Amino acid sequence: MLLFLKSSSRTVHQDPDQESVIEINNYRDDDNNDLRCCCCSSTSLTVWSKSLVYGCNGFTVIGSDGSLVYRVDNYSDNPNQILLMDGSGNPIFTICRRKKLRLIDDNWLVYKGEVGKYCDSSSRKPIFCVKKNVNILKTKQSAIAYVYYNNGKASAKGCAYVIEGSYKHRSCKILDGTRQVVAEIKRKQSSTGGVSFGLEVFALVVNAVVDPAFAMAIVLLLDQMFH
């Protein structure tokens, strides 16, 4: 399906894993009814926790028609900075971990497009920030992370979105200020026999009111926080 994969800075003249290319076509959505959330209109994506480029860690995101929608190909072992690309390798978001001010901090900044190696010190302003909800007292809380616009200096009550559920079990919901579900992470089931694909392949259902790329950026952040 793919002969060459283009990164944001260079073309990878390297054949992807041929078995992966064949296998990827098995992950298209044959039964969209199983992936509908409470929205009138939604986009259903299949997220695969694997890069198509040999020797890279990353993600491959497939649309309901089997097309390659998003890619993450980590060429270096730098978990503190991630580049989300479209299917052609064009940069969409740069995700970078904010330098920790305290031991318990786990905050991430998201920039539009591609930012340099040290994006946390960049003069560019992030478009949003995601903070992990650190539950020190181990109380039963549904919120696992908060999404803020810009640099995230507001309190938890002033956040733009709340993420609830369990990423470990691939069962999360992204809710806006009115408690409407705008995106949802689900375990993916086979259209025949109800066989689960496991944790490496799961569904991302996105309401029409938000950008699917934004929802995918949240997936990447949750994977870093709770993997």
C-alpha atoms as a PDB file:
ATOM      1  CA  MET A   1       0.000   0.000   0.000  1.00  0.00           C
ATOM      2  CA  LEU A   2       2.868   2.333   0.843  1.00  0.00           C
ATOM      3  CA  LEU A   3       6.234   2.236  -0.878  1.00  0.00           C
ATOM      4  CA  PHE A   4       7.858   5.176   0.888  1.00  0.00           C
ATOM      5  CA  LEU A   5       6.863   6.987   4.039  1.00  0.00           C
ATOM      6  CA  LYS A   6       7.579  10.689   4.187  1.00  0.00           C
ATOM      7  CA  SER A   7       8.498  12.260   7.506  1.00  0.00           C
ATOM      8  CA  SER A   8       8.111  15.942   8.249  1.00  0.00           C
ATOM      9  CA  SER A   9      11.777  16.592   7.499  1.00  0.00           C
ATOM     10  CA  ARG A  10      12.815  13.856   5.143  1.00  0.00           C
ATOM     11  CA  THR A  11      11.574  10.946   3.045  1.00  0.00           C
ATOM     12  CA  VAL A  12      12.312   7.563   4.502  1.00  0.00           C
ATOM     13  CA  HIS A  13      13.787   5.473   1.686  1.00  0.00           C
ATOM     14  CA  GLN A  14      13.019   2.308   3.512  1.00  0.00           C
ATOM     15  CA  ASP A  15      10.293  -0.235   2.921  1.00  0.00           C
ATOM     16  CA  PRO A  16       7.887  -0.418   5.849  1.00  0.00           C
ATOM     17  CA  ASP A  17       7.152  -3.692   7.498  1.00  0.00           C
ATOM     18  CA  GLN A  18       5.390  -5.554   4.675  1.00  0.00           C
ATOM     19  CA  GLU A  19       3.432  -7.694   7.090  1.00  0.00           C
ATOM     20  CA  SER A  20       2.220  -4.513   8.791  1.00  0.00           C
ATOM     21  CA  VAL A  21       1.101  -3.010   5.490  1.00  0.00           C
ATOM     22  CA  ILE A  22      -1.009  -6.076   4.758  1.00  0.00           C
ATOM     23  CA  GLU A  23      -2.300  -6.276   8.316  1.00  0.00           C
ATOM     24  CA  ILE A  24      -3.322  -2.631   8.430  1.00  0.00           C
ATOM     25  CA  ASN A  25      -6.126  -3.224   5.930  1.00  0.00           C
ATOM     26  CA  ASN A  26      -7.764  -5.558   8.428  1.00  0.00           C
ATOM     27  CA  TYR A  27      -8.327  -2.666  10.841  1.00  0.00           C
ATOM     28  CA  ARG A  28     -10.834  -0.643   8.816  1.00  0.00           C
ATOM     29  CA  ASP A  29     -14.267  -0.095  10.356  1.00  0.00           C
ATOM     30  CA  ASP A  30     -16.676  -2.590   8.831  1.00  0.00           C
ATOM     31  CA  ASP A  31     -19.348  -1.888  11.406  1.00  0.00           C
ATOM     32  CA  ASN A  32     -19.621   1.802  12.249  1.00  0.00           C
ATOM     33  CA  ASN A  33     -22.729   1.210  14.365  1.00  0.00           C
ATOM     34  CA  ASP A  34     -20.520  -0.262  17.081  1.00  0.00           C
ATOM     35  CA  LEU A  35     -18.482   2.942  17.190  1.00  0.00           C
ATOM     36  CA  ARG A  36     -21.218   5.552  17.417  1.00  0.00           C
ATOM     37  CA  CYS A  37     -21.181   7.745  20.512  1.00  0.00           C
ATOM     38  CA  CYS A  38     -24.032   9.900  21.744  1.00  0.00           C
ATOM     39  CA  CYS A  39     -23.414  12.430  18.943  1.00  0.00           C
ATOM     40  CA  CYS A  40     -25.501  12.954  15.833  1.00  0.00           C
ATOM     41  CA  SER A  41     -22.423  12.940  13.628  1.00  0.00           C
ATOM     42  CA  SER A  42     -19.024  11.458  14.381  1.00  0.00           C
ATOM     43  CA  THR A  43     -15.768  10.286  12.824  1.00  0.00           C
ATOM     44  CA  SER A  44     -14.610   6.755  13.574  1.00  0.00           C
ATOM     45  CA  LEU A  45     -10.872   6.069  13.521  1.00  0.00           C
ATOM     46  CA  THR A  46      -8.856   2.952  14.271  1.00  0.00           C
ATOM     47  CA  VAL A  47      -5.691   3.615  16.264  1.00  0.00           C
ATOM     48  CA  TRP A  48      -2.858   1.121  16.026  1.00  0.00           C
ATOM     49  CA  SER A  49       0.010   1.434  18.533  1.00  0.00           C
ATOM     50  CA  LYS A  50       2.652   0.744  15.928  1.00  0.00           C
ATOM     51  CA  SER A  51       4.647   2.707  13.370  1.00  0.00           C
ATOM     52  CA  LEU A  52       4.792   1.525   9.770  1.00  0.00           C
ATOM     53  CA  VAL A  53       8.453   2.555   9.581  1.00  0.00           C
ATOM     54  CA  TYR A  54      10.885  -0.189  10.540  1.00  0.00           C
ATOM     55  CA  GLY A  55      12.760   0.518  13.764  1.00  0.00           C
ATOM     56  CA  CYS A  56      10.433   3.313  14.915  1.00  0.00           C
ATOM     57  CA  ASN A  57       7.992   3.525  17.756  1.00  0.00           C
ATOM     58  CA  GLY A  58       4.749   5.295  17.049  1.00  0.00           C
ATOM     59  CA  PHE A  59       1.141   5.117  15.970  1.00  0.00           C
ATOM     60  CA  THR A  60      -0.806   4.464  12.779  1.00  0.00           C
ATOM     61  CA  VAL A  61      -4.356   5.793  12.476  1.00  0.00           C
ATOM     62  CA  ILE A  62      -6.768   4.393   9.897  1.00  0.00           C
ATOM     63  CA  GLY A  63     -10.021   5.941   8.663  1.00  0.00           C
ATOM     64  CA  SER A  64     -13.282   4.059   8.201  1.00  0.00           C
ATOM     65  CA  ASP A  65     -12.436   3.660   4.494  1.00  0.00           C
ATOM     66  CA  GLY A  66      -9.065   2.050   5.236  1.00  0.00           C
ATOM     67  CA  SER A  67      -7.008   5.162   4.396  1.00  0.00           C
ATOM     68  CA  LEU A  68      -3.989   6.293   6.402  1.00  0.00           C
ATOM     69  CA  VAL A  69      -5.134   9.399   8.304  1.00  0.00           C
ATOM     70  CA  TYR A  70      -2.437  10.121  10.935  1.00  0.00           C
ATOM     71  CA  ARG A  71       1.054   8.862  11.739  1.00  0.00           C
ATOM     72  CA  VAL A  72       3.557   9.090  14.541  1.00  0.00           C
ATOM     73  CA  ASP A  73       7.084   7.840  13.764  1.00  0.00           C
ATOM     74  CA  ASN A  74       9.559   8.354  16.596  1.00  0.00           C
ATOM     75  CA  TYR A  75      13.048   8.135  15.069  1.00  0.00           C
ATOM     76  CA  SER A  76      14.835   8.909  18.339  1.00  0.00           C
ATOM     77  CA  ASP A  77      14.299   7.749  21.877  1.00  0.00           C
ATOM     78  CA  ASN A  78      12.856  11.066  23.029  1.00  0.00           C
ATOM     79  CA  PRO A  79       9.563  10.406  24.812  1.00  0.00           C
ATOM     80  CA  ASN A  80       9.336  14.067  25.819  1.00  0.00           C
ATOM     81  CA  GLN A  81       8.600  15.311  22.291  1.00  0.00           C
ATOM     82  CA  ILE A  82       6.208  13.811  19.742  1.00  0.00           C
ATOM     83  CA  LEU A  83       5.248  14.911  16.245  1.00  0.00           C
ATOM     84  CA  LEU A  84       1.749  14.095  15.001  1.00  0.00           C
ATOM     85  CA  MET A  85       1.615  13.966  11.192  1.00  0.00           C
ATOM     86  CA  ASP A  86      -1.065  13.424   8.611  1.00  0.00           C
ATOM     87  CA  GLY A  87      -0.971  10.387   6.340  1.00  0.00           C
ATOM     88  CA  SER A  88       1.479  12.096   3.944  1.00  0.00           C
ATOM     89  CA  GLY A  89       3.950  13.042   6.674  1.00  0.00           C
ATOM     90  CA  ASN A  90       2.973  16.723   7.010  1.00  0.00           C
ATOM     91  CA  PRO A  91       3.278  17.980  10.613  1.00  0.00           C
ATOM     92  CA  ILE A  92       0.067  18.811  12.453  1.00  0.00           C
ATOM     93  CA  PHE A  93       1.021  19.143  16.125  1.00  0.00           C
ATOM     94  CA  THR A  94       4.234  19.058  18.135  1.00  0.00           C
ATOM     95  CA  ILE A  95       3.651  17.689  21.609  1.00  0.00           C
ATOM     96  CA  CYS A  96       6.267  18.355  24.249  1.00  0.00           C
ATOM     97  CA  ARG A  97       6.569  17.723  27.939  1.00  0.00           C
ATOM     98  CA  ARG A  98       6.864  20.832  30.068  1.00  0.00           C
ATOM     99  CA  LYS A  99       9.882  20.929  32.333  1.00  0.00           C
ATOM    100  CA  LYS A 100       8.862  19.664  35.728  1.00  0.00           C
ATOM    101  CA  LEU A 101       8.566  22.292  38.420  1.00  0.00           C
ATOM    102  CA  ARG A 102       7.699  19.704  41.026  1.00  0.00           C
ATOM    103  CA  LEU A 103       8.156  15.965  41.247  1.00  0.00           C
ATOM    104  CA  ILE A 104       4.459  15.258  40.776  1.00  0.00           C
ATOM    105  CA  ASP A 105       3.989  17.504  37.717  1.00  0.00           C
ATOM    106  CA  ASP A 106       3.051  15.840  34.442  1.00  0.00           C
ATOM    107  CA  ASN A 107       2.139  18.649  32.044  1.00  0.00           C
ATOM    108  CA  TRP A 108       2.330  18.719  28.267  1.00  0.00           C
ATOM    109  CA  LEU A 109       2.254  21.564  25.750  1.00  0.00           C
ATOM    110  CA  VAL A 110       0.859  21.211  22.238  1.00  0.00           C
ATOM    111  CA  TYR A 111       2.047  23.477  19.412  1.00  0.00           C
ATOM    112  CA  LYS A 112       0.634  23.836  15.930  1.00  0.00           C
ATOM    113  CA  GLY A 113       2.929  22.457  13.214  1.00  0.00           C
ATOM    114  CA  GLU A 114       6.519  21.404  13.804  1.00  0.00           C
ATOM    115  CA  VAL A 115       8.678  22.996  16.490  1.00  0.00           C
ATOM    116  CA  GLY A 116      12.405  22.613  17.041  1.00  0.00           C
ATOM    117  CA  LYS A 117      14.131  20.138  19.295  1.00  0.00           C
ATOM    118  CA  TYR A 118      13.658  22.218  22.450  1.00  0.00           C
ATOM    119  CA  CYS A 119      10.045  23.253  22.035  1.00  0.00           C
ATOM    120  CA  ASP A 120       9.519  23.924  25.744  1.00  0.00           C
ATOM    121  CA  SER A 121      11.842  26.933  25.427  1.00  0.00           C
ATOM    122  CA  SER A 122      10.355  28.065  22.121  1.00  0.00           C
ATOM    123  CA  SER A 123       9.080  31.636  21.780  1.00  0.00           C
ATOM    124  CA  ARG A 124       5.962  30.275  20.075  1.00  0.00           C
ATOM    125  CA  LYS A 125       2.842  29.965  22.173  1.00  0.00           C
ATOM    126  CA  PRO A 126       1.221  26.549  22.619  1.00  0.00           C
ATOM    127  CA  ILE A 127      -2.370  26.175  21.481  1.00  0.00           C
ATOM    128  CA  PHE A 128      -3.305  24.038  24.448  1.00  0.00           C
ATOM    129  CA  CYS A 129      -1.901  22.304  27.504  1.00  0.00           C
ATOM    130  CA  VAL A 130      -2.811  18.968  29.085  1.00  0.00           C
ATOM    131  CA  LYS A 131      -2.270  18.221  32.767  1.00  0.00           C
ATOM    132  CA  LYS A 132      -2.431  14.821  34.369  1.00  0.00           C
ATOM    133  CA  ASN A 133      -4.698  14.662  37.401  1.00  0.00           C
ATOM    134  CA  VAL A 134      -2.381  13.390  40.103  1.00  0.00           C
ATOM    135  CA  ASN A 135      -4.463  11.720  42.794  1.00  0.00           C
ATOM    136  CA  ILE A 136      -2.108  11.692  45.770  1.00  0.00           C
ATOM    137  CA  LEU A 137      -4.740  10.588  48.275  1.00  0.00           C
ATOM    138  CA  LYS A 138      -5.845   7.709  46.007  1.00  0.00           C
ATOM    139  CA  THR A 139      -9.455   8.804  46.246  1.00  0.00           C
ATOM    140  CA  LYS A 140     -11.971   7.589  43.704  1.00  0.00           C
ATOM    141  CA  GLN A 141     -11.974  10.226  40.962  1.00  0.00           C
ATOM    142  CA  SER A 142     -13.250   9.999  37.421  1.00  0.00           C
ATOM    143  CA  ALA A 143     -11.047  12.741  35.928  1.00  0.00           C
ATOM    144  CA  ILE A 144      -7.625  11.557  34.772  1.00  0.00           C
ATOM    145  CA  ALA A 145      -6.488  14.718  32.931  1.00  0.00           C
ATOM    146  CA  TYR A 146      -7.494  18.292  32.116  1.00  0.00           C
ATOM    147  CA  VAL A 147      -7.123  20.218  28.855  1.00  0.00           C
ATOM    148  CA  TYR A 148      -6.515  23.978  28.871  1.00  0.00           C
ATOM    149  CA  TYR A 149      -6.090  26.510  26.116  1.00  0.00           C
ATOM    150  CA  ASN A 150      -2.705  28.227  25.736  1.00  0.00           C
ATOM    151  CA  ASN A 151      -0.272  27.534  28.566  1.00  0.00           C
ATOM    152  CA  GLY A 152      -2.705  26.084  31.075  1.00  0.00           C
ATOM    153  CA  LYS A 153      -2.358  28.540  33.966  1.00  0.00           C
ATOM    154  CA  ALA A 154      -6.025  28.271  34.880  1.00  0.00           C
ATOM    155  CA  SER A 155      -7.386  26.128  37.681  1.00  0.00           C
ATOM    156  CA  ALA A 156      -9.031  22.761  37.145  1.00  0.00           C
ATOM    157  CA  LYS A 157     -12.435  24.465  37.235  1.00  0.00           C
ATOM    158  CA  GLY A 158     -11.435  26.654  34.289  1.00  0.00           C
ATOM    159  CA  CYS A 159     -10.324  23.859  31.972  1.00  0.00           C
ATOM    160  CA  ALA A 160     -11.688  23.529  28.441  1.00  0.00           C
ATOM    161  CA  TYR A 161     -12.057  19.734  28.518  1.00  0.00           C
ATOM    162  CA  VAL A 162     -11.975  16.974  31.117  1.00  0.00           C
ATOM    163  CA  ILE A 163     -10.788  13.452  30.327  1.00  0.00           C
ATOM    164  CA  GLU A 164     -12.432  10.687  32.326  1.00  0.00           C
ATOM    165  CA  GLY A 165     -12.124   6.926  32.438  1.00  0.00           C
ATOM    166  CA  SER A 166      -9.157   4.589  32.097  1.00  0.00           C
ATOM    167  CA  TYR A 167      -6.655   4.741  29.265  1.00  0.00           C
ATOM    168  CA  LYS A 168      -5.098   1.536  30.549  1.00  0.00           C
ATOM    169  CA  HIS A 169      -8.347  -0.254  29.704  1.00  0.00           C
ATOM    170  CA  ARG A 170      -8.902   1.859  26.554  1.00  0.00           C
ATOM    171  CA  SER A 171     -12.101   3.333  27.941  1.00  0.00           C
ATOM    172  CA  CYS A 172     -11.944   7.136  28.063  1.00  0.00           C
ATOM    173  CA  LYS A 173     -14.225  10.054  27.325  1.00  0.00           C
ATOM    174  CA  ILE A 174     -13.297  13.662  26.536  1.00  0.00           C
ATOM    175  CA  LEU A 175     -15.980  16.025  27.828  1.00  0.00           C
ATOM    176  CA  ASP A 176     -16.428  19.750  27.215  1.00  0.00           C
ATOM    177  CA  GLY A 177     -17.595  22.348  29.741  1.00  0.00           C
ATOM    178  CA  THR A 178     -21.211  21.289  29.339  1.00  0.00           C
ATOM    179  CA  ARG A 179     -20.338  17.640  30.040  1.00  0.00           C
ATOM    180  CA  GLN A 180     -20.986  16.689  26.417  1.00  0.00           C
ATOM    181  CA  VAL A 181     -18.847  13.804  25.151  1.00  0.00           C
ATOM    182  CA  VAL A 182     -16.812  15.186  22.244  1.00  0.00           C
ATOM    183  CA  ALA A 183     -14.542  12.154  21.759  1.00  0.00           C
ATOM    184  CA  GLU A 184     -14.272   8.647  23.106  1.00  0.00           C
ATOM    185  CA  ILE A 185     -11.622   5.920  23.247  1.00  0.00           C
ATOM    186  CA  LYS A 186     -13.056   2.404  23.057  1.00  0.00           C
ATOM    187  CA  ARG A 187     -11.897  -1.172  22.875  1.00  0.00           C
ATOM    188  CA  LYS A 188     -12.270  -2.276  19.284  1.00  0.00           C
ATOM    189  CA  GLN A 189     -14.335  -5.329  18.503  1.00  0.00           C
ATOM    190  CA  SER A 190     -14.246  -7.401  15.350  1.00  0.00           C
ATOM    191  CA  SER A 191     -17.335  -7.055  13.162  1.00  0.00           C
ATOM    192  CA  THR A 192     -17.631 -10.855  13.176  1.00  0.00           C
ATOM    193  CA  GLY A 193     -17.735 -12.882  16.353  1.00  0.00           C
ATOM    194  CA  GLY A 194     -17.142  -9.976  18.755  1.00  0.00           C
ATOM    195  CA  VAL A 195     -13.420 -10.755  19.048  1.00  0.00           C
ATOM    196  CA  SER A 196     -11.392  -7.996  20.715  1.00  0.00           C
ATOM    197  CA  PHE A 197      -8.192  -6.751  19.051  1.00  0.00           C
ATOM    198  CA  GLY A 198      -6.507  -6.216  22.415  1.00  0.00           C
ATOM    199  CA  LEU A 199      -4.965  -3.004  23.712  1.00  0.00           C
ATOM    200  CA  GLU A 200      -2.712  -2.228  20.736  1.00  0.00           C
ATOM    201  CA  VAL A 201      -5.644  -1.623  18.391  1.00  0.00           C
ATOM    202  CA  PHE A 202      -8.542   0.503  19.598  1.00  0.00           C
ATOM    203  CA  ALA A 203     -11.235   2.869  18.335  1.00  0.00           C
ATOM    204  CA  LEU A 204     -11.306   6.664  18.559  1.00  0.00           C
ATOM    205  CA  VAL A 205     -14.761   8.170  17.969  1.00  0.00           C
ATOM    206  CA  VAL A 206     -14.791  11.943  17.485  1.00  0.00           C
ATOM    207  CA  ASN A 207     -17.800  14.249  17.544  1.00  0.00           C
ATOM    208  CA  ALA A 208     -18.123  16.640  14.601  1.00  0.00           C
ATOM    209  CA  VAL A 209     -17.685  19.646  16.935  1.00  0.00           C
ATOM    210  CA  VAL A 210     -13.968  18.942  17.501  1.00  0.00           C
ATOM    211  CA  ASP A 211     -11.007  18.325  15.215  1.00  0.00           C
ATOM    212  CA  PRO A 212     -10.065  14.620  15.002  1.00  0.00           C
ATOM    213  CA  ALA A 213      -6.383  15.660  15.044  1.00  0.00           C
ATOM    214  CA  PHE A 214      -6.967  17.303  18.434  1.00  0.00           C
ATOM    215  CA  ALA A 215      -8.527  14.083  19.732  1.00  0.00           C
ATOM    216  CA  MET A 216      -5.585  12.070  18.408  1.00  0.00           C
ATOM    217  CA  ALA A 217      -3.169  14.435  20.162  1.00  0.00           C
ATOM    218  CA  ILE A 218      -5.013  13.674  23.408  1.00  0.00           C
ATOM    219  CA  VAL A 219      -4.558   9.953  22.740  1.00  0.00           C
ATOM    220  CA  LEU A 220      -0.802  10.452  22.378  1.00  0.00           C
ATOM    221  CA  LEU A 221      -0.670  12.389  25.634  1.00  0.00           C
ATOM    222  CA  LEU A 222      -2.668   9.780  27.518  1.00  0.00           C
ATOM    223  CA  ASP A 223      -0.338   7.102  26.198  1.00  0.00           C
ATOM    224  CA  GLN A 224       2.633   9.003  27.613  1.00  0.00           C
ATOM    225  CA  MET A 225       0.927   9.610  30.944  1.00  0.00           C
ATOM    226  CA  PHE A 226      -0.564   6.169  31.535  1.00  0.00           C
ATOM    227  CA  HIS A 227       1.269   3.689  29.281  1.00  0.00           C
END
